[in-house]
Protein backbone atom coordinates (compact mmCIF):
# COMPACT_ATOMS: atom_id res chain seq x y z
CA MET A 1 -31.64 20.55 -3.73
CA TYR A 2 -32.82 23.85 -2.26
CA ILE A 3 -32.48 24.59 1.40
CA TYR A 4 -34.27 27.53 2.92
CA ILE A 5 -32.22 29.72 5.21
CA SER A 6 -34.29 31.43 7.90
CA SER A 7 -33.56 34.78 9.47
CA PRO A 8 -31.86 34.31 12.83
CA LEU A 9 -33.12 37.71 14.02
CA THR A 10 -35.99 40.15 13.81
CA GLY A 11 -35.15 43.32 11.90
CA THR A 12 -34.57 44.43 8.31
CA ALA A 13 -33.11 42.08 5.70
CA ILE A 14 -30.33 43.75 3.69
CA GLY A 15 -27.84 42.71 1.03
CA LEU A 16 -24.26 41.92 1.96
CA ALA A 17 -23.08 44.98 0.02
CA GLU A 18 -24.73 47.09 2.76
CA VAL A 19 -22.79 45.43 5.60
CA PRO A 20 -20.34 47.95 7.14
CA ASP A 21 -17.38 45.55 6.89
CA PRO A 22 -15.39 45.03 3.67
CA VAL A 23 -14.77 41.32 4.29
CA PHE A 24 -18.49 40.51 4.53
CA ALA A 25 -19.61 43.15 1.99
CA SER A 26 -17.27 41.77 -0.68
CA ARG A 27 -18.45 38.19 -0.03
CA MET A 28 -14.93 37.06 0.90
CA VAL A 29 -16.43 34.81 3.60
CA GLY A 30 -19.20 33.67 1.27
CA PRO A 31 -22.54 34.77 -0.21
CA GLY A 32 -25.71 35.30 1.75
CA ALA A 33 -27.61 38.20 3.27
CA ALA A 34 -27.63 40.21 6.48
CA VAL A 35 -30.10 41.44 9.06
CA ASP A 36 -30.04 44.90 10.57
CA PRO A 37 -31.61 43.80 13.86
CA ALA A 38 -34.32 45.60 15.79
CA ARG A 39 -32.68 47.45 18.68
CA LYS A 40 -34.08 45.37 21.52
CA LEU A 41 -33.16 42.24 23.46
CA GLN A 42 -33.21 39.33 21.00
CA THR A 43 -32.44 35.67 20.88
CA ALA A 44 -30.66 34.65 17.70
CA VAL A 45 -32.07 31.37 16.40
CA ALA A 46 -30.65 28.61 14.21
CA PRO A 47 -31.24 29.45 10.52
CA ILE A 48 -31.36 25.76 9.52
CA ALA A 49 -31.62 22.38 11.20
CA GLY A 50 -28.35 20.59 11.81
CA ARG A 51 -25.39 20.42 14.15
CA LEU A 52 -24.07 23.49 15.93
CA VAL A 53 -20.45 22.94 14.86
CA LYS A 54 -19.07 26.29 16.15
CA LEU A 55 -20.44 28.45 18.94
CA LYS A 56 -18.87 31.66 20.17
CA PRO A 57 -20.72 34.46 21.96
CA HIS A 58 -20.64 36.67 18.83
CA ALA A 59 -21.00 34.02 16.10
CA PHE A 60 -22.09 30.47 15.35
CA VAL A 61 -22.14 27.93 12.52
CA VAL A 62 -24.88 25.37 11.92
CA GLN A 63 -24.08 22.53 9.52
CA SER A 64 -26.94 20.72 7.76
CA ASP A 65 -27.05 16.95 7.37
CA ASP A 66 -25.86 17.35 3.74
CA GLY A 67 -22.77 19.27 4.91
CA ARG A 68 -23.76 22.86 4.14
CA GLY A 69 -22.71 25.38 6.77
CA ILE A 70 -24.39 28.65 7.69
CA LEU A 71 -22.44 31.28 9.64
CA VAL A 72 -24.38 33.80 11.72
CA HIS A 73 -22.18 36.69 12.86
CA LEU A 74 -23.90 38.87 15.49
CA GLY A 75 -22.70 42.39 14.71
CA ILE A 76 -19.45 43.67 13.26
CA ASP A 77 -16.20 43.46 15.26
CA THR A 78 -18.16 42.07 18.22
CA VAL A 79 -15.40 39.53 18.82
CA ASN A 80 -13.69 42.47 20.56
CA LEU A 81 -16.40 42.40 23.25
CA GLU A 82 -14.98 39.06 24.44
CA GLY A 83 -18.46 37.68 25.11
CA GLU A 84 -19.71 40.63 27.16
CA GLY A 85 -23.42 41.17 26.52
CA PHE A 86 -23.98 37.76 24.92
CA GLU A 87 -25.55 34.74 26.61
CA LEU A 88 -25.21 31.28 25.07
CA VAL A 89 -28.45 29.30 25.28
CA ALA A 90 -27.25 26.34 23.19
CA VAL A 91 -24.20 24.08 23.38
CA GLU A 92 -21.55 23.58 20.70
CA GLY A 93 -21.92 20.15 19.10
CA GLU A 94 -25.64 19.76 19.78
CA ARG A 95 -28.23 19.13 17.10
CA VAL A 96 -30.57 22.08 16.62
CA ARG A 97 -33.78 22.58 14.72
CA ALA A 98 -34.39 25.66 12.58
CA GLY A 99 -35.67 28.39 14.87
CA GLN A 100 -34.08 26.98 18.03
CA PRO A 101 -32.59 29.66 20.33
CA VAL A 102 -28.78 29.88 20.24
CA VAL A 103 -27.56 33.25 21.65
CA THR A 104 -29.31 36.08 23.50
CA TRP A 105 -27.97 39.61 23.02
CA ASN A 106 -29.08 43.23 22.74
CA PRO A 107 -28.21 44.97 19.45
CA ALA A 108 -28.96 48.35 21.08
CA ASP A 109 -26.16 47.74 23.61
CA VAL A 110 -23.73 46.80 20.82
CA GLU A 111 -24.60 49.99 18.94
CA ALA A 112 -24.34 52.10 22.12
CA GLY A 113 -20.80 50.70 22.50
CA GLY A 114 -19.85 52.09 19.09
CA LEU A 115 -20.13 48.87 17.05
CA SER A 116 -22.54 47.94 14.28
CA PRO A 117 -25.16 45.32 15.19
CA VAL A 118 -25.69 44.41 11.50
CA SER A 119 -25.52 40.61 11.37
CA PRO A 120 -24.31 38.74 8.27
CA VAL A 121 -25.81 35.30 7.51
CA ILE A 122 -23.34 33.50 5.25
CA ALA A 123 -23.54 30.33 3.16
CA LEU A 124 -20.06 28.90 3.73
CA ASP A 125 -18.22 27.39 0.75
CA ALA A 126 -21.10 28.33 -1.57
CA ASP A 127 -21.10 29.74 -5.06
CA THR A 128 -22.66 33.19 -5.29
CA ALA A 129 -24.86 31.85 -8.11
CA ALA A 130 -26.28 29.19 -5.74
CA ILE A 131 -27.94 31.84 -3.53
CA ASP A 132 -31.24 33.38 -4.56
CA ALA A 133 -34.63 34.63 -3.41
CA ILE A 134 -32.96 36.95 -0.92
CA ALA A 135 -35.55 38.67 1.28
CA GLY A 136 -35.76 42.43 1.59
CA GLY A 137 -37.49 44.57 4.15
CA THR A 138 -38.81 43.54 7.52
CA VAL A 139 -38.17 39.98 8.71
CA VAL A 140 -39.08 38.19 11.91
CA ALA A 141 -36.75 35.55 13.33
CA GLY A 142 -37.68 32.34 11.54
CA ASP A 143 -38.86 34.03 8.31
CA GLU A 144 -37.23 32.90 5.08
CA LEU A 145 -34.07 34.95 4.41
CA PHE A 146 -32.68 33.25 1.28
CA HIS A 147 -32.50 29.99 -0.69
CA TRP A 148 -29.37 27.92 -1.28
CA ARG A 149 -29.49 25.56 -4.24
């Protein structure tokens, strides 16, 4: 069964190999895609419908009803910001619909602080071969980013 993973952000869809972090770029966390976000205030949205099983200021995981988890990591090394510049607009444990707001942040502020705002979107515990139809170019939050079969 295919599930369609939506972009959590507006920006440019890129491959994981272009992510400036070796752990994400080498797919050690899992396969997927990334978004180089537009440098403006944005609200990251849920990429699928399901339960928000993990919620930190810099990252969140949504698990679908069939058990598939999608990790959205807002920027690289942003855990070091200890939540500064991020505002949670959802609650861990709640059910979310695809496109529902989760975290507000400003990628321009992250970049101005010397960190990359590039945001990996990872299919957790997935086979690389199970991910296809990866988008390229400009995406708007809610646009299809990739398929997981």
